[in-house]
Amino acid sequence: MLTLIRFFVFAVGLSAMSAPALAHANIVSATPADKSRGPSPATVEMNFNEAVNLAFSRMKILGPDGKQVATGETVLVPGGKGMIAPVETKLPEGVYTVDWSVLSSDGHKLTGKYSFTVVP
């Protein structure tokens, strides 16, 4: 019985020590923000709580018609914890969706979508 208790204490301690390693990249901020309303943005920027690998990450902006919006080359933000895509033209009114995926520095892929609305 004492061996079983020691094993349980060891297993709980080991899992507590490895908990930070299980964390994944999370979005810290986005510009334009999710569900925001405003003028046509010059760029779309996403920031995460850890570095991302740009070679295995992407950001697509989809217009109200579902077609991909033309953007310039996506680059890392200073410090490498995010990415910025320049928007090549002024966006007309409507709801836009940012469809993204990143490979974080811990090797995990994270994907998601969010939307913003362009108003005059």
PDB file of N, CA and C in Angstrom:
ATOM      1  N   MET A   1       0.812  -1.186   0.000  1.00  0.00           N
ATOM      2  CA  MET A   1       0.000   0.000   0.000  1.00  0.00           C
ATOM      3  C   MET A   1       0.864   1.262   0.000  1.00  0.00           C
ATOM      4  N   LEU A   2       1.953   1.234   0.783  1.00  0.00           N
ATOM      5  CA  LEU A   2       2.846   2.379   0.852  1.00  0.00           C
ATOM      6  C   LEU A   2       3.488   2.632  -0.515  1.00  0.00           C
ATOM      7  N   THR A   3       3.797   1.579  -1.260  1.00  0.00           N
ATOM      8  CA  THR A   3       4.363   1.725  -2.596  1.00  0.00           C
ATOM      9  C   THR A   3       3.364   2.400  -3.529  1.00  0.00           C
ATOM     10  N   LEU A   4       2.111   2.044  -3.423  1.00  0.00           N
ATOM     11  CA  LEU A   4       1.071   2.648  -4.252  1.00  0.00           C
ATOM     12  C   LEU A   4       0.928   4.147  -3.946  1.00  0.00           C
ATOM     13  N   ILE A   5       0.982   4.513  -2.687  1.00  0.00           N
ATOM     14  CA  ILE A   5       0.898   5.923  -2.297  1.00  0.00           C
ATOM     15  C   ILE A   5       2.107   6.683  -2.836  1.00  0.00           C
ATOM     16  N   ARG A   6       3.308   6.104  -2.717  1.00  0.00           N
ATOM     17  CA  ARG A   6       4.515   6.757  -3.246  1.00  0.00           C
ATOM     18  C   ARG A   6       4.397   6.947  -4.756  1.00  0.00           C
ATOM     19  N   PHE A   7       3.892   5.951  -5.463  1.00  0.00           N
ATOM     20  CA  PHE A   7       3.727   6.053  -6.911  1.00  0.00           C
ATOM     21  C   PHE A   7       2.753   7.181  -7.259  1.00  0.00           C
ATOM     22  N   PHE A   8       1.640   7.261  -6.527  1.00  0.00           N
ATOM     23  CA  PHE A   8       0.647   8.302  -6.773  1.00  0.00           C
ATOM     24  C   PHE A   8       1.251   9.689  -6.545  1.00  0.00           C
ATOM     25  N   VAL A   9       1.973   9.872  -5.450  1.00  0.00           N
ATOM     26  CA  VAL A   9       2.615  11.160  -5.152  1.00  0.00           C
ATOM     27  C   VAL A   9       3.623  11.495  -6.254  1.00  0.00           C
ATOM     28  N   PHE A  10       4.401  10.525  -6.701  1.00  0.00           N
ATOM     29  CA  PHE A  10       5.373  10.735  -7.776  1.00  0.00           C
ATOM     30  C   PHE A  10       4.664  11.129  -9.074  1.00  0.00           C
ATOM     31  N   ALA A  11       3.581  10.441  -9.423  1.00  0.00           N
ATOM     32  CA  ALA A  11       2.857  10.724 -10.674  1.00  0.00           C
ATOM     33  C   ALA A  11       2.239  12.120 -10.645  1.00  0.00           C
ATOM     34  N   VAL A  12       1.661  12.517  -9.521  1.00  0.00           N
ATOM     35  CA  VAL A  12       1.075  13.853  -9.404  1.00  0.00           C
ATOM     36  C   VAL A  12       2.169  14.911  -9.523  1.00  0.00           C
ATOM     37  N   GLY A  13       3.295  14.686  -8.855  1.00  0.00           N
ATOM     38  CA  GLY A  13       4.405  15.636  -8.941  1.00  0.00           C
ATOM     39  C   GLY A  13       4.956  15.753 -10.346  1.00  0.00           C
ATOM     40  N   LEU A  14       5.085  14.637 -11.033  1.00  0.00           N
ATOM     41  CA  LEU A  14       5.586  14.639 -12.405  1.00  0.00           C
ATOM     42  C   LEU A  14       4.634  15.374 -13.337  1.00  0.00           C
ATOM     43  N   SER A  15       3.343  15.156 -13.188  1.00  0.00           N
ATOM     44  CA  SER A  15       2.387  15.849 -14.061  1.00  0.00           C
ATOM     45  C   SER A  15       2.372  17.342 -13.780  1.00  0.00           C
ATOM     46  N   ALA A  16       2.556  17.742 -12.547  1.00  0.00           N
ATOM     47  CA  ALA A  16       2.595  19.172 -12.218  1.00  0.00           C
ATOM     48  C   ALA A  16       3.824  19.829 -12.824  1.00  0.00           C
ATOM     49  N   MET A  17       4.945  19.117 -12.850  1.00  0.00           N
ATOM     50  CA  MET A  17       6.168  19.677 -13.431  1.00  0.00           C
ATOM     51  C   MET A  17       6.063  19.802 -14.943  1.00  0.00           C
ATOM     52  N   SER A  18       5.324  18.933 -15.595  1.00  0.00           N
ATOM     53  CA  SER A  18       5.242  18.961 -17.053  1.00  0.00           C
ATOM     54  C   SER A  18       4.093  19.813 -17.569  1.00  0.00           C
ATOM     55  N   ALA A  19       3.264  20.360 -16.699  1.00  0.00           N
ATOM     56  CA  ALA A  19       2.117  21.152 -17.137  1.00  0.00           C
ATOM     57  C   ALA A  19       2.498  22.311 -18.043  1.00  0.00           C
ATOM     58  N   PRO A  20       3.549  23.111 -17.764  1.00  0.00           N
ATOM     59  CA  PRO A  20       3.886  24.210 -18.669  1.00  0.00           C
ATOM     60  C   PRO A  20       4.256  23.737 -20.074  1.00  0.00           C
ATOM     61  N   ALA A  21       4.785  22.552 -20.201  1.00  0.00           N
ATOM     62  CA  ALA A  21       5.156  22.042 -21.517  1.00  0.00           C
ATOM     63  C   ALA A  21       3.936  21.729 -22.368  1.00  0.00           C
ATOM     64  N   LEU A  22       2.783  21.568 -21.732  1.00  0.00           N
ATOM     65  CA  LEU A  22       1.577  21.251 -22.471  1.00  0.00           C
ATOM     66  C   LEU A  22       0.876  22.497 -23.021  1.00  0.00           C
ATOM     67  N   ALA A  23       1.320  23.671 -22.618  1.00  0.00           N
ATOM     68  CA  ALA A  23       0.700  24.912 -23.084  1.00  0.00           C
ATOM     69  C   ALA A  23       0.988  25.108 -24.570  1.00  0.00           C
ATOM     70  N   HIS A  24       0.061  25.717 -25.267  1.00  0.00           N
ATOM     71  CA  HIS A  24       0.203  25.989 -26.697  1.00  0.00           C
ATOM     72  C   HIS A  24       0.103  27.485 -26.924  1.00  0.00           C
ATOM     73  N   ALA A  25       0.420  27.876 -28.152  1.00  0.00           N
ATOM     74  CA  ALA A  25       0.301  29.292 -28.507  1.00  0.00           C
ATOM     75  C   ALA A  25      -1.160  29.717 -28.402  1.00  0.00           C
ATOM     76  N   ASN A  26      -1.364  30.887 -27.867  1.00  0.00           N
ATOM     77  CA  ASN A  26      -2.699  31.469 -27.775  1.00  0.00           C
ATOM     78  C   ASN A  26      -2.655  32.871 -28.352  1.00  0.00           C
ATOM     79  N   ILE A  27      -3.757  33.299 -28.928  1.00  0.00           N
ATOM     80  CA  ILE A  27      -3.832  34.651 -29.466  1.00  0.00           C
ATOM     81  C   ILE A  27      -3.855  35.639 -28.300  1.00  0.00           C
ATOM     82  N   VAL A  28      -2.998  36.640 -28.382  1.00  0.00           N
ATOM     83  CA  VAL A  28      -2.960  37.705 -27.388  1.00  0.00           C
ATOM     84  C   VAL A  28      -3.766  38.894 -27.897  1.00  0.00           C
ATOM     85  N   SER A  29      -3.621  39.206 -29.202  1.00  0.00           N
ATOM     86  CA  SER A  29      -4.358  40.319 -29.783  1.00  0.00           C
ATOM     87  C   SER A  29      -4.428  40.175 -31.295  1.00  0.00           C
ATOM     88  N   ALA A  30      -5.383  40.864 -31.884  1.00  0.00           N
ATOM     89  CA  ALA A  30      -5.524  40.917 -33.343  1.00  0.00           C
ATOM     90  C   ALA A  30      -5.990  42.319 -33.707  1.00  0.00           C
ATOM     91  N   THR A  31      -5.494  42.807 -34.837  1.00  0.00           N
ATOM     92  CA  THR A  31      -5.884  44.128 -35.342  1.00  0.00           C
ATOM     93  C   THR A  31      -6.193  44.000 -36.820  1.00  0.00           C
ATOM     94  N   PRO A  32      -7.407  44.268 -37.256  1.00  0.00           N
ATOM     95  CA  PRO A  32      -8.582  44.627 -36.473  1.00  0.00           C
ATOM     96  C   PRO A  32      -8.978  43.478 -35.537  1.00  0.00           C
ATOM     97  N   ALA A  33      -9.597  43.837 -34.429  1.00  0.00           N
ATOM     98  CA  ALA A  33      -9.992  42.852 -33.424  1.00  0.00           C
ATOM     99  C   ALA A  33     -11.213  42.059 -33.873  1.00  0.00           C
ATOM    100  N   ASP A  34     -11.386  40.892 -33.263  1.00  0.00           N
ATOM    101  CA  ASP A  34     -12.545  40.049 -33.540  1.00  0.00           C
ATOM    102  C   ASP A  34     -13.833  40.827 -33.264  1.00  0.00           C
ATOM    103  N   LYS A  35     -14.756  40.763 -34.189  1.00  0.00           N
ATOM    104  CA  LYS A  35     -16.080  41.392 -34.111  1.00  0.00           C
ATOM    105  C   LYS A  35     -16.026  42.922 -34.079  1.00  0.00           C
ATOM    106  N   SER A  36     -14.868  43.498 -34.441  1.00  0.00           N
ATOM    107  CA  SER A  36     -14.768  44.959 -34.460  1.00  0.00           C
ATOM    108  C   SER A  36     -15.418  45.531 -35.713  1.00  0.00           C
ATOM    109  N   ARG A  37     -15.722  46.822 -35.658  1.00  0.00           N
ATOM    110  CA  ARG A  37     -16.306  47.549 -36.787  1.00  0.00           C
ATOM    111  C   ARG A  37     -15.465  48.793 -36.968  1.00  0.00           C
ATOM    112  N   GLY A  38     -15.057  49.073 -38.213  1.00  0.00           N
ATOM    113  CA  GLY A  38     -14.246  50.257 -38.441  1.00  0.00           C
ATOM    114  C   GLY A  38     -13.893  50.410 -39.905  1.00  0.00           C
ATOM    115  N   PRO A  39     -12.987  51.353 -40.191  1.00  0.00           N
ATOM    116  CA  PRO A  39     -12.586  51.597 -41.575  1.00  0.00           C
ATOM    117  C   PRO A  39     -11.720  50.460 -42.119  1.00  0.00           C
ATOM    118  N   SER A  40     -11.503  50.477 -43.412  1.00  0.00           N
ATOM    119  CA  SER A  40     -10.663  49.477 -44.065  1.00  0.00           C
ATOM    120  C   SER A  40      -9.253  49.498 -43.458  1.00  0.00           C
ATOM    121  N   PRO A  41      -8.748  48.355 -42.993  1.00  0.00           N
ATOM    122  CA  PRO A  41      -7.417  48.340 -42.394  1.00  0.00           C
ATOM    123  C   PRO A  41      -6.315  48.326 -43.467  1.00  0.00           C
ATOM    124  N   ALA A  42      -5.174  48.908 -43.144  1.00  0.00           N
ATOM    125  CA  ALA A  42      -4.019  48.853 -44.035  1.00  0.00           C
ATOM    126  C   ALA A  42      -3.273  47.533 -43.860  1.00  0.00           C
ATOM    127  N   THR A  43      -3.398  46.941 -42.670  1.00  0.00           N
ATOM    128  CA  THR A  43      -2.767  45.650 -42.370  1.00  0.00           C
ATOM    129  C   THR A  43      -3.689  44.844 -41.470  1.00  0.00           C
ATOM    130  N   VAL A  44      -3.451  43.535 -41.436  1.00  0.00           N
ATOM    131  CA  VAL A  44      -4.089  42.663 -40.454  1.00  0.00           C
ATOM    132  C   VAL A  44      -2.940  42.046 -39.665  1.00  0.00           C
ATOM    133  N   GLU A  45      -3.017  42.178 -38.338  1.00  0.00           N
ATOM    134  CA  GLU A  45      -1.939  41.703 -37.474  1.00  0.00           C
ATOM    135  C   GLU A  45      -2.498  40.782 -36.401  1.00  0.00           C
ATOM    136  N   MET A  46      -1.783  39.687 -36.160  1.00  0.00           N
ATOM    137  CA  MET A  46      -2.138  38.754 -35.091  1.00  0.00           C
ATOM    138  C   MET A  46      -0.918  38.551 -34.220  1.00  0.00           C
ATOM    139  N   ASN A  47      -1.109  38.588 -32.899  1.00  0.00           N
ATOM    140  CA  ASN A  47      -0.025  38.390 -31.943  1.00  0.00           C
ATOM    141  C   ASN A  47      -0.360  37.226 -31.023  1.00  0.00           C
ATOM    142  N   PHE A  48       0.671  36.448 -30.690  1.00  0.00           N
ATOM    143  CA  PHE A  48       0.517  35.246 -29.881  1.00  0.00           C
ATOM    144  C   PHE A  48       1.402  35.336 -28.637  1.00  0.00           C
ATOM    145  N   ASN A  49       1.199  34.416 -27.706  1.00  0.00           N
ATOM    146  CA  ASN A  49       1.978  34.429 -26.474  1.00  0.00           C
ATOM    147  C   ASN A  49       3.319  33.722 -26.619  1.00  0.00           C
ATOM    148  N   GLU A  50       3.601  33.161 -27.773  1.00  0.00           N
ATOM    149  CA  GLU A  50       4.914  32.555 -28.027  1.00  0.00           C
ATOM    150  C   GLU A  50       5.253  32.695 -29.502  1.00  0.00           C
ATOM    151  N   ALA A  51       6.503  32.482 -29.815  1.00  0.00           N
ATOM    152  CA  ALA A  51       6.979  32.654 -31.190  1.00  0.00           C
ATOM    153  C   ALA A  51       6.279  31.688 -32.144  1.00  0.00           C
ATOM    154  N   VAL A  52       6.111  32.156 -33.391  1.00  0.00           N
ATOM    155  CA  VAL A  52       5.512  31.324 -34.431  1.00  0.00           C
ATOM    156  C   VAL A  52       6.526  31.107 -35.552  1.00  0.00           C
ATOM    157  N   ASN A  53       6.390  29.992 -36.233  1.00  0.00           N
ATOM    158  CA  ASN A  53       7.252  29.656 -37.361  1.00  0.00           C
ATOM    159  C   ASN A  53       6.527  30.089 -38.632  1.00  0.00           C
ATOM    160  N   LEU A  54       6.970  31.185 -39.225  1.00  0.00           N
ATOM    161  CA  LEU A  54       6.282  31.761 -40.372  1.00  0.00           C
ATOM    162  C   LEU A  54       6.256  30.819 -41.576  1.00  0.00           C
ATOM    163  N   ALA A  55       7.274  29.998 -41.732  1.00  0.00           N
ATOM    164  CA  ALA A  55       7.327  29.086 -42.876  1.00  0.00           C
ATOM    165  C   ALA A  55       6.167  28.094 -42.873  1.00  0.00           C
ATOM    166  N   PHE A  56       5.607  27.820 -41.703  1.00  0.00           N
ATOM    167  CA  PHE A  56       4.510  26.857 -41.590  1.00  0.00           C
ATOM    168  C   PHE A  56       3.241  27.513 -41.050  1.00  0.00           C
ATOM    169  N   SER A  57       3.125  28.813 -41.241  1.00  0.00           N
ATOM    170  CA  SER A  57       1.964  29.565 -40.767  1.00  0.00           C
ATOM    171  C   SER A  57       1.352  30.325 -41.935  1.00  0.00           C
ATOM    172  N   ARG A  58       0.061  30.667 -41.815  1.00  0.00           N
ATOM    173  CA  ARG A  58      -0.588  31.410 -42.891  1.00  0.00           C
ATOM    174  C   ARG A  58      -1.731  32.238 -42.334  1.00  0.00           C
ATOM    175  N   MET A  59      -2.073  33.274 -43.106  1.00  0.00           N
ATOM    176  CA  MET A  59      -3.214  34.116 -42.768  1.00  0.00           C
ATOM    177  C   MET A  59      -3.895  34.481 -44.076  1.00  0.00           C
ATOM    178  N   LYS A  60      -5.171  34.123 -44.208  1.00  0.00           N
ATOM    179  CA  LYS A  60      -5.958  34.488 -45.388  1.00  0.00           C
ATOM    180  C   LYS A  60      -7.096  35.386 -44.931  1.00  0.00           C
ATOM    181  N   ILE A  61      -7.349  36.427 -45.716  1.00  0.00           N
ATOM    182  CA  ILE A  61      -8.475  37.308 -45.441  1.00  0.00           C
ATOM    183  C   ILE A  61      -9.513  37.051 -46.522  1.00  0.00           C
ATOM    184  N   LEU A  62     -10.712  36.697 -46.103  1.00  0.00           N
ATOM    185  CA  LEU A  62     -11.791  36.387 -47.030  1.00  0.00           C
ATOM    186  C   LEU A  62     -12.834  37.497 -46.976  1.00  0.00           C
ATOM    187  N   GLY A  63     -13.238  37.970 -48.151  1.00  0.00           N
ATOM    188  CA  GLY A  63     -14.212  39.050 -48.242  1.00  0.00           C
ATOM    189  C   GLY A  63     -15.635  38.581 -48.026  1.00  0.00           C
ATOM    190  N   PRO A  64     -16.587  39.505 -48.059  1.00  0.00           N
ATOM    191  CA  PRO A  64     -18.002  39.164 -47.880  1.00  0.00           C
ATOM    192  C   PRO A  64     -18.490  38.138 -48.908  1.00  0.00           C
ATOM    193  N   ASP A  65     -17.855  38.129 -50.076  1.00  0.00           N
ATOM    194  CA  ASP A  65     -18.227  37.172 -51.120  1.00  0.00           C
ATOM    195  C   ASP A  65     -17.511  35.830 -50.984  1.00  0.00           C
ATOM    196  N   GLY A  66     -16.666  35.690 -49.959  1.00  0.00           N
ATOM    197  CA  GLY A  66     -15.934  34.449 -49.730  1.00  0.00           C
ATOM    198  C   GLY A  66     -14.630  34.351 -50.495  1.00  0.00           C
ATOM    199  N   LYS A  67     -14.343  35.335 -51.342  1.00  0.00           N
ATOM    200  CA  LYS A  67     -13.100  35.318 -52.117  1.00  0.00           C
ATOM    201  C   LYS A  67     -11.959  35.878 -51.282  1.00  0.00           C
ATOM    202  N   GLN A  68     -10.758  35.375 -51.564  1.00  0.00           N
ATOM    203  CA  GLN A  68      -9.579  35.812 -50.826  1.00  0.00           C
ATOM    204  C   GLN A  68      -9.199  37.244 -51.217  1.00  0.00           C
ATOM    205  N   VAL A  69      -8.919  38.061 -50.224  1.00  0.00           N
ATOM    206  CA  VAL A  69      -8.492  39.442 -50.416  1.00  0.00           C
ATOM    207  C   VAL A  69      -6.998  39.443 -50.733  1.00  0.00           C
ATOM    208  N   ALA A  70      -6.591  40.290 -51.691  1.00  0.00           N
ATOM    209  CA  ALA A  70      -5.174  40.384 -52.047  1.00  0.00           C
ATOM    210  C   ALA A  70      -4.395  41.040 -50.910  1.00  0.00           C
ATOM    211  N   THR A  71      -3.340  40.355 -50.489  1.00  0.00           N
ATOM    212  CA  THR A  71      -2.461  40.895 -49.450  1.00  0.00           C
ATOM    213  C   THR A  71      -1.019  40.788 -49.937  1.00  0.00           C
ATOM    214  N   GLY A  72      -0.168  41.616 -49.342  1.00  0.00           N
ATOM    215  CA  GLY A  72       1.255  41.511 -49.611  1.00  0.00           C
ATOM    216  C   GLY A  72       1.831  40.352 -48.820  1.00  0.00           C
ATOM    217  N   GLU A  73       3.132  40.246 -48.817  1.00  0.00           N
ATOM    218  CA  GLU A  73       3.813  39.154 -48.126  1.00  0.00           C
ATOM    219  C   GLU A  73       3.595  39.263 -46.617  1.00  0.00           C
ATOM    220  N   THR A  74       3.187  38.158 -46.009  1.00  0.00           N
ATOM    221  CA  THR A  74       3.021  38.106 -44.563  1.00  0.00           C
ATOM    222  C   THR A  74       4.405  38.024 -43.927  1.00  0.00           C
ATOM    223  N   VAL A  75       4.630  38.845 -42.900  1.00  0.00           N
ATOM    224  CA  VAL A  75       5.920  38.882 -42.207  1.00  0.00           C
ATOM    225  C   VAL A  75       5.701  38.716 -40.708  1.00  0.00           C
ATOM    226  N   LEU A  76       6.777  38.374 -40.016  1.00  0.00           N
ATOM    227  CA  LEU A  76       6.719  38.273 -38.560  1.00  0.00           C
ATOM    228  C   LEU A  76       6.732  39.653 -37.929  1.00  0.00           C
ATOM    229  N   VAL A  77       6.063  39.792 -36.802  1.00  0.00           N
ATOM    230  CA  VAL A  77       6.148  41.023 -36.021  1.00  0.00           C
ATOM    231  C   VAL A  77       7.513  41.021 -35.334  1.00  0.00           C
ATOM    232  N   PRO A  78       8.019  42.190 -34.947  1.00  0.00           N
ATOM    233  CA  PRO A  78       9.279  42.212 -34.194  1.00  0.00           C
ATOM    234  C   PRO A  78       9.167  41.318 -32.958  1.00  0.00           C
ATOM    235  N   GLY A  79      10.139  40.487 -32.748  1.00  0.00           N
ATOM    236  CA  GLY A  79      10.117  39.533 -31.642  1.00  0.00           C
ATOM    237  C   GLY A  79       9.605  38.162 -32.051  1.00  0.00           C
ATOM    238  N   GLY A  80       8.968  38.057 -33.234  1.00  0.00           N
ATOM    239  CA  GLY A  80       8.555  36.761 -33.772  1.00  0.00           C
ATOM    240  C   GLY A  80       7.317  36.140 -33.172  1.00  0.00           C
ATOM    241  N   LYS A  81       6.569  36.872 -32.339  1.00  0.00           N
ATOM    242  CA  LYS A  81       5.391  36.293 -31.699  1.00  0.00           C
ATOM    243  C   LYS A  81       4.094  36.666 -32.404  1.00  0.00           C
ATOM    244  N   GLY A  82       4.173  36.869 -33.705  1.00  0.00           N
ATOM    245  CA  GLY A  82       2.975  37.205 -34.451  1.00  0.00           C
ATOM    246  C   GLY A  82       3.295  37.422 -35.915  1.00  0.00           C
ATOM    247  N   MET A  83       2.263  37.772 -36.680  1.00  0.00           N
ATOM    248  CA  MET A  83       2.443  37.997 -38.110  1.00  0.00           C
ATOM    249  C   MET A  83       1.550  39.138 -38.573  1.00  0.00           C
ATOM    250  N   ILE A  84       2.029  39.801 -39.636  1.00  0.00           N
ATOM    251  CA  ILE A  84       1.330  40.950 -40.209  1.00  0.00           C
ATOM    252  C   ILE A  84       1.176  40.723 -41.706  1.00  0.00           C
ATOM    253  N   ALA A  85      -0.027  40.962 -42.215  1.00  0.00           N
ATOM    254  CA  ALA A  85      -0.286  40.890 -43.654  1.00  0.00           C
ATOM    255  C   ALA A  85      -0.769  42.258 -44.123  1.00  0.00           C
ATOM    256  N   PRO A  86      -0.036  42.897 -45.053  1.00  0.00           N
ATOM    257  CA  PRO A  86      -0.518  44.173 -45.585  1.00  0.00           C
ATOM    258  C   PRO A  86      -1.684  43.948 -46.540  1.00  0.00           C
ATOM    259  N   VAL A  87      -2.715  44.776 -46.419  1.00  0.00           N
ATOM    260  CA  VAL A  87      -3.880  44.698 -47.305  1.00  0.00           C
ATOM    261  C   VAL A  87      -3.588  45.596 -48.501  1.00  0.00           C
ATOM    262  N   GLU A  88      -3.646  45.037 -49.708  1.00  0.00           N
ATOM    263  CA  GLU A  88      -3.200  45.757 -50.899  1.00  0.00           C
ATOM    264  C   GLU A  88      -4.166  46.821 -51.410  1.00  0.00           C
ATOM    265  N   THR A  89      -5.455  46.694 -51.113  1.00  0.00           N
ATOM    266  CA  THR A  89      -6.424  47.685 -51.583  1.00  0.00           C
ATOM    267  C   THR A  89      -7.367  48.059 -50.450  1.00  0.00           C
ATOM    268  N   LYS A  90      -8.040  49.190 -50.629  1.00  0.00           N
ATOM    269  CA  LYS A  90      -9.047  49.587 -49.647  1.00  0.00           C
ATOM    270  C   LYS A  90     -10.213  48.608 -49.745  1.00  0.00           C
ATOM    271  N   LEU A  91     -10.645  48.091 -48.605  1.00  0.00           N
ATOM    272  CA  LEU A  91     -11.721  47.100 -48.589  1.00  0.00           C
ATOM    273  C   LEU A  91     -13.078  47.789 -48.593  1.00  0.00           C
ATOM    274  N   PRO A  92     -13.987  47.296 -49.431  1.00  0.00           N
ATOM    275  CA  PRO A  92     -15.351  47.845 -49.402  1.00  0.00           C
ATOM    276  C   PRO A  92     -16.086  47.380 -48.139  1.00  0.00           C
ATOM    277  N   GLU A  93     -17.217  48.014 -47.869  1.00  0.00           N
ATOM    278  CA  GLU A  93     -18.045  47.652 -46.718  1.00  0.00           C
ATOM    279  C   GLU A  93     -18.347  46.165 -46.714  1.00  0.00           C
ATOM    280  N   GLY A  94     -18.434  45.609 -45.515  1.00  0.00           N
ATOM    281  CA  GLY A  94     -18.830  44.211 -45.390  1.00  0.00           C
ATOM    282  C   GLY A  94     -18.101  43.500 -44.266  1.00  0.00           C
ATOM    283  N   VAL A  95     -18.464  42.250 -44.083  1.00  0.00           N
ATOM    284  CA  VAL A  95     -17.864  41.410 -43.048  1.00  0.00           C
ATOM    285  C   VAL A  95     -16.733  40.595 -43.679  1.00  0.00           C
ATOM    286  N   TYR A  96     -15.568  40.630 -43.046  1.00  0.00           N
ATOM    287  CA  TYR A  96     -14.386  39.926 -43.517  1.00  0.00           C
ATOM    288  C   TYR A  96     -13.984  38.874 -42.498  1.00  0.00           C
ATOM    289  N   THR A  97     -13.483  37.756 -43.002  1.00  0.00           N
ATOM    290  CA  THR A  97     -13.052  36.663 -42.143  1.00  0.00           C
ATOM    291  C   THR A  97     -11.552  36.477 -42.289  1.00  0.00           C
ATOM    292  N   VAL A  98     -10.868  36.369 -41.154  1.00  0.00           N
ATOM    293  CA  VAL A  98      -9.444  36.050 -41.145  1.00  0.00           C
ATOM    294  C   VAL A  98      -9.341  34.572 -40.793  1.00  0.00           C
ATOM    295  N   ASP A  99      -8.854  33.788 -41.741  1.00  0.00           N
ATOM    296  CA  ASP A  99      -8.679  32.342 -41.587  1.00  0.00           C
ATOM    297  C   ASP A  99      -7.180  32.113 -41.422  1.00  0.00           C
ATOM    298  N   TRP A 100      -6.757  31.592 -40.291  1.00  0.00           N
ATOM    299  CA  TRP A 100      -5.326  31.517 -40.003  1.00  0.00           C
ATOM    300  C   TRP A 100      -4.913  30.178 -39.407  1.00  0.00           C
ATOM    301  N   SER A 101      -3.626  29.896 -39.521  1.00  0.00           N
ATOM    302  CA  SER A 101      -3.014  28.761 -38.821  1.00  0.00           C
ATOM    303  C   SER A 101      -1.569  29.134 -38.542  1.00  0.00           C
ATOM    304  N   VAL A 102      -1.067  28.720 -37.398  1.00  0.00           N
ATOM    305  CA  VAL A 102       0.319  28.963 -37.036  1.00  0.00           C
ATOM    306  C   VAL A 102       0.938  27.685 -36.488  1.00  0.00           C
ATOM    307  N   LEU A 103       2.239  27.573 -36.701  1.00  0.00           N
ATOM    308  CA  LEU A 103       3.026  26.533 -36.050  1.00  0.00           C
ATOM    309  C   LEU A 103       3.794  27.263 -34.964  1.00  0.00           C
ATOM    310  N   SER A 104       3.516  26.930 -33.722  1.00  0.00           N
ATOM    311  CA  SER A 104       4.154  27.635 -32.614  1.00  0.00           C
ATOM    312  C   SER A 104       5.537  27.052 -32.335  1.00  0.00           C
ATOM    313  N   SER A 105       6.294  27.757 -31.528  1.00  0.00           N
ATOM    314  CA  SER A 105       7.659  27.334 -31.222  1.00  0.00           C
ATOM    315  C   SER A 105       7.702  26.001 -30.482  1.00  0.00           C
ATOM    316  N   ASP A 106       6.587  25.595 -29.862  1.00  0.00           N
ATOM    317  CA  ASP A 106       6.562  24.293 -29.186  1.00  0.00           C
ATOM    318  C   ASP A 106       6.203  23.157 -30.146  1.00  0.00           C
ATOM    319  N   GLY A 107       6.032  23.492 -31.441  1.00  0.00           N
ATOM    320  CA  GLY A 107       5.776  22.464 -32.453  1.00  0.00           C
ATOM    321  C   GLY A 107       4.313  22.133 -32.673  1.00  0.00           C
ATOM    322  N   HIS A 108       3.413  22.839 -32.048  1.00  0.00           N
ATOM    323  CA  HIS A 108       1.991  22.560 -32.203  1.00  0.00           C
ATOM    324  C   HIS A 108       1.350  23.505 -33.213  1.00  0.00           C
ATOM    325  N   LYS A 109       0.447  22.962 -33.998  1.00  0.00           N
ATOM    326  CA  LYS A 109      -0.297  23.735 -34.988  1.00  0.00           C
ATOM    327  C   LYS A 109      -1.579  24.235 -34.335  1.00  0.00           C
ATOM    328  N   LEU A 110      -1.862  25.516 -34.559  1.00  0.00           N
ATOM    329  CA  LEU A 110      -3.060  26.124 -34.020  1.00  0.00           C
ATOM    330  C   LEU A 110      -3.788  26.775 -35.181  1.00  0.00           C
ATOM    331  N   THR A 111      -5.096  26.588 -35.276  1.00  0.00           N
ATOM    332  CA  THR A 111      -5.872  27.175 -36.368  1.00  0.00           C
ATOM    333  C   THR A 111      -7.087  27.894 -35.818  1.00  0.00           C
ATOM    334  N   GLY A 112      -7.617  28.808 -36.604  1.00  0.00           N
ATOM    335  CA  GLY A 112      -8.816  29.495 -36.176  1.00  0.00           C
ATOM    336  C   GLY A 112      -9.309  30.481 -37.211  1.00  0.00           C
ATOM    337  N   LYS A 113     -10.411  31.107 -36.893  1.00  0.00           N
ATOM    338  CA  LYS A 113     -11.015  32.136 -37.740  1.00  0.00           C
ATOM    339  C   LYS A 113     -11.586  33.205 -36.828  1.00  0.00           C
ATOM    340  N   TYR A 114     -11.600  34.416 -37.338  1.00  0.00           N
ATOM    341  CA  TYR A 114     -12.324  35.479 -36.661  1.00  0.00           C
ATOM    342  C   TYR A 114     -12.793  36.458 -37.717  1.00  0.00           C
ATOM    343  N   SER A 115     -13.689  37.360 -37.347  1.00  0.00           N
ATOM    344  CA  SER A 115     -14.225  38.289 -38.345  1.00  0.00           C
ATOM    345  C   SER A 115     -14.209  39.724 -37.834  1.00  0.00           C
ATOM    346  N   PHE A 116     -14.206  40.642 -38.783  1.00  0.00           N
ATOM    347  CA  PHE A 116     -14.330  42.060 -38.505  1.00  0.00           C
ATOM    348  C   PHE A 116     -15.183  42.676 -39.607  1.00  0.00           C
ATOM    349  N   THR A 117     -15.761  43.821 -39.339  1.00  0.00           N
ATOM    350  CA  THR A 117     -16.638  44.473 -40.310  1.00  0.00           C
ATOM    351  C   THR A 117     -16.061  45.817 -40.710  1.00  0.00           C
ATOM    352  N   VAL A 118     -15.995  46.043 -42.022  1.00  0.00           N
ATOM    353  CA  VAL A 118     -15.572  47.341 -42.554  1.00  0.00           C
ATOM    354  C   VAL A 118     -16.823  48.178 -42.759  1.00  0.00           C
ATOM    355  N   VAL A 119     -16.804  49.367 -42.146  1.00  0.00           N
ATOM    356  CA  VAL A 119     -17.906  50.307 -42.278  1.00  0.00           C
ATOM    357  C   VAL A 119     -17.359  51.629 -42.827  1.00  0.00           C
ATOM    358  N   PRO A 120     -18.212  52.442 -43.465  1.00  0.00           N
ATOM    359  CA  PRO A 120     -17.712  53.709 -44.022  1.00  0.00           C
ATOM    360  C   PRO A 120     -17.294  54.696 -42.941  1.00  0.00           C
TER     361      PRO A 120
END
